Amino acid sequence: MKIHELGTSSARLGELGRRLALVRRQRGLAQEELAERAGVGVATLRRIEDGKDARLGSWLRLLQALDMLAGVDLVLPAEFRSPRAEVQGRRRRRTRGAPGETGSAGAQGVWEDERP
């Protein structure tokens, strides 16, 4: 199931916890072993795997212990480029004119980036 298709935060946390537990089991790790490697309490790991809310720091330590921390860069890249956002930003800049100007090109019929 895809995370973005789940309707509530609670459902998303549950799915993330289920996936974490799956990875842990596939790697042959007991909860106690992963918790120790990550430096988190076993109770914290159990809460996370049960889909309860957890601190981001705990998630990061668990991902590091599983050698999966690089995946965070896929979720939140250092540089995010959105062609749609760039076009919308250009439109906003283009339509903002000085007081008294009308429309995108202003009263003089000159685009903002063409002005001296």
Protein backbone atom coordinates (compact mmCIF):
# COMPACT_ATOMS: atom_id res chain seq x y z
CA MET A 1 0.00 0.00 0.00
CA LYS A 2 1.25 3.46 -0.85
CA ILE A 3 1.62 5.90 2.03
CA HIS A 4 0.10 8.84 0.18
CA GLU A 5 -3.05 6.82 -0.54
CA LEU A 6 -3.79 6.32 3.14
CA GLY A 7 -6.33 8.80 4.45
CA THR A 8 -5.14 9.55 7.97
CA SER A 9 -1.88 10.20 9.75
CA SER A 10 -2.66 7.28 12.02
CA ALA A 11 -2.99 4.94 9.04
CA ARG A 12 0.27 6.28 7.56
CA LEU A 13 2.14 5.74 10.83
CA GLY A 14 0.72 2.23 11.02
CA GLU A 15 1.96 1.41 7.53
CA LEU A 16 5.41 2.87 8.21
CA GLY A 17 5.64 0.84 11.42
CA ARG A 18 4.58 -2.31 9.58
CA ARG A 19 7.29 -1.71 6.97
CA LEU A 20 9.94 -1.12 9.63
CA ALA A 21 9.00 -4.37 11.37
CA LEU A 22 9.14 -6.20 8.03
CA VAL A 23 12.66 -4.93 7.28
CA ARG A 24 13.80 -5.78 10.79
CA ARG A 25 12.49 -9.35 10.51
CA GLN A 26 13.91 -9.80 6.99
CA ARG A 27 17.31 -8.89 8.38
CA GLY A 28 16.91 -11.45 11.15
CA LEU A 29 16.90 -8.91 13.96
CA ALA A 30 14.91 -9.15 17.16
CA GLN A 31 13.34 -5.96 18.47
CA GLU A 32 15.83 -5.95 21.33
CA GLU A 33 18.78 -6.22 18.97
CA LEU A 34 17.67 -3.41 16.65
CA ALA A 35 16.77 -1.18 19.59
CA GLU A 36 20.23 -1.69 21.07
CA ARG A 37 21.99 -1.01 17.77
CA ALA A 38 19.95 2.15 17.27
CA GLY A 39 20.29 3.38 20.84
CA VAL A 40 16.56 3.53 21.45
CA GLY A 41 14.47 1.72 24.01
CA VAL A 42 12.69 -1.50 23.12
CA ALA A 43 9.42 0.14 24.17
CA THR A 44 10.09 2.97 21.70
CA LEU A 45 10.69 0.50 18.87
CA ARG A 46 7.52 -1.40 19.77
CA ARG A 47 5.49 1.82 19.72
CA ILE A 48 6.93 2.74 16.33
CA GLU A 49 6.23 -0.70 14.88
CA ASP A 50 2.70 -0.50 16.30
CA GLY A 51 2.14 2.72 14.37
CA LYS A 52 2.17 5.04 17.33
CA ASP A 53 3.61 8.51 16.99
CA ALA A 54 7.37 8.75 17.56
CA ARG A 55 10.12 11.32 17.54
CA LEU A 56 11.93 11.86 14.27
CA GLY A 57 15.24 11.34 16.08
CA SER A 58 14.21 7.78 16.95
CA TRP A 59 13.28 7.07 13.36
CA LEU A 60 16.63 8.44 12.15
CA ARG A 61 18.57 6.26 14.61
CA LEU A 62 16.60 3.18 13.54
CA LEU A 63 17.15 3.90 9.86
CA GLN A 64 20.85 4.39 10.48
CA ALA A 65 21.07 1.09 12.38
CA LEU A 66 19.41 -0.61 9.39
CA ASP A 67 21.77 1.20 6.97
CA MET A 68 18.78 2.88 5.34
CA LEU A 69 19.48 6.50 6.24
CA ALA A 70 20.28 7.39 2.62
CA GLY A 71 16.58 6.95 1.87
CA VAL A 72 15.86 10.16 3.75
CA ASP A 73 17.50 12.08 0.90
CA LEU A 74 14.87 10.66 -1.43
CA VAL A 75 12.09 11.91 0.82
CA LEU A 76 13.57 15.36 1.40
CA PRO A 77 16.26 16.13 -1.16
CA ALA A 78 18.75 18.91 -0.46
CA GLU A 79 17.56 20.71 -3.59
CA PHE A 80 13.95 20.32 -4.57
CA ARG A 81 12.99 21.46 -8.04
CA SER A 82 9.38 21.57 -9.01
CA PRO A 83 8.70 22.74 -12.56
CA ARG A 84 5.14 23.59 -11.57
CA ALA A 85 6.25 25.71 -8.60
CA GLU A 86 8.83 27.49 -10.77
CA VAL A 87 6.19 28.39 -13.38
CA GLN A 88 3.80 29.60 -10.70
CA GLY A 89 6.58 31.70 -9.14
CA ARG A 90 7.36 33.30 -12.49
CA ARG A 91 3.69 34.08 -13.01
CA ARG A 92 3.46 35.77 -9.61
CA ARG A 93 6.57 37.85 -10.26
CA ARG A 94 5.33 38.80 -13.71
CA THR A 95 1.88 39.92 -12.53
CA ARG A 96 3.17 42.09 -9.70
CA GLY A 97 3.60 45.58 -11.01
CA ALA A 98 4.11 49.01 -9.58
CA PRO A 99 1.07 50.86 -8.24
CA GLY A 100 -1.11 52.10 -11.04
CA GLU A 101 0.02 49.43 -13.48
CA THR A 102 -2.55 47.08 -14.94
CA GLY A 103 -2.06 43.53 -16.11
CA SER A 104 1.12 41.57 -16.48
CA ALA A 105 2.84 44.03 -18.75
CA GLY A 106 1.91 47.10 -16.77
CA ALA A 107 0.54 50.36 -18.13
CA GLN A 108 3.51 50.93 -20.45
CA GLY A 109 3.23 47.48 -22.11
CA VAL A 110 6.68 46.42 -20.86
CA TRP A 111 7.25 43.18 -19.00
CA GLU A 112 8.82 43.38 -15.56
CA ASP A 113 12.07 41.71 -16.68
CA GLU A 114 12.37 44.08 -19.66
CA ARG A 115 12.28 47.24 -17.57
CA PRO A 116 15.51 49.20 -17.22
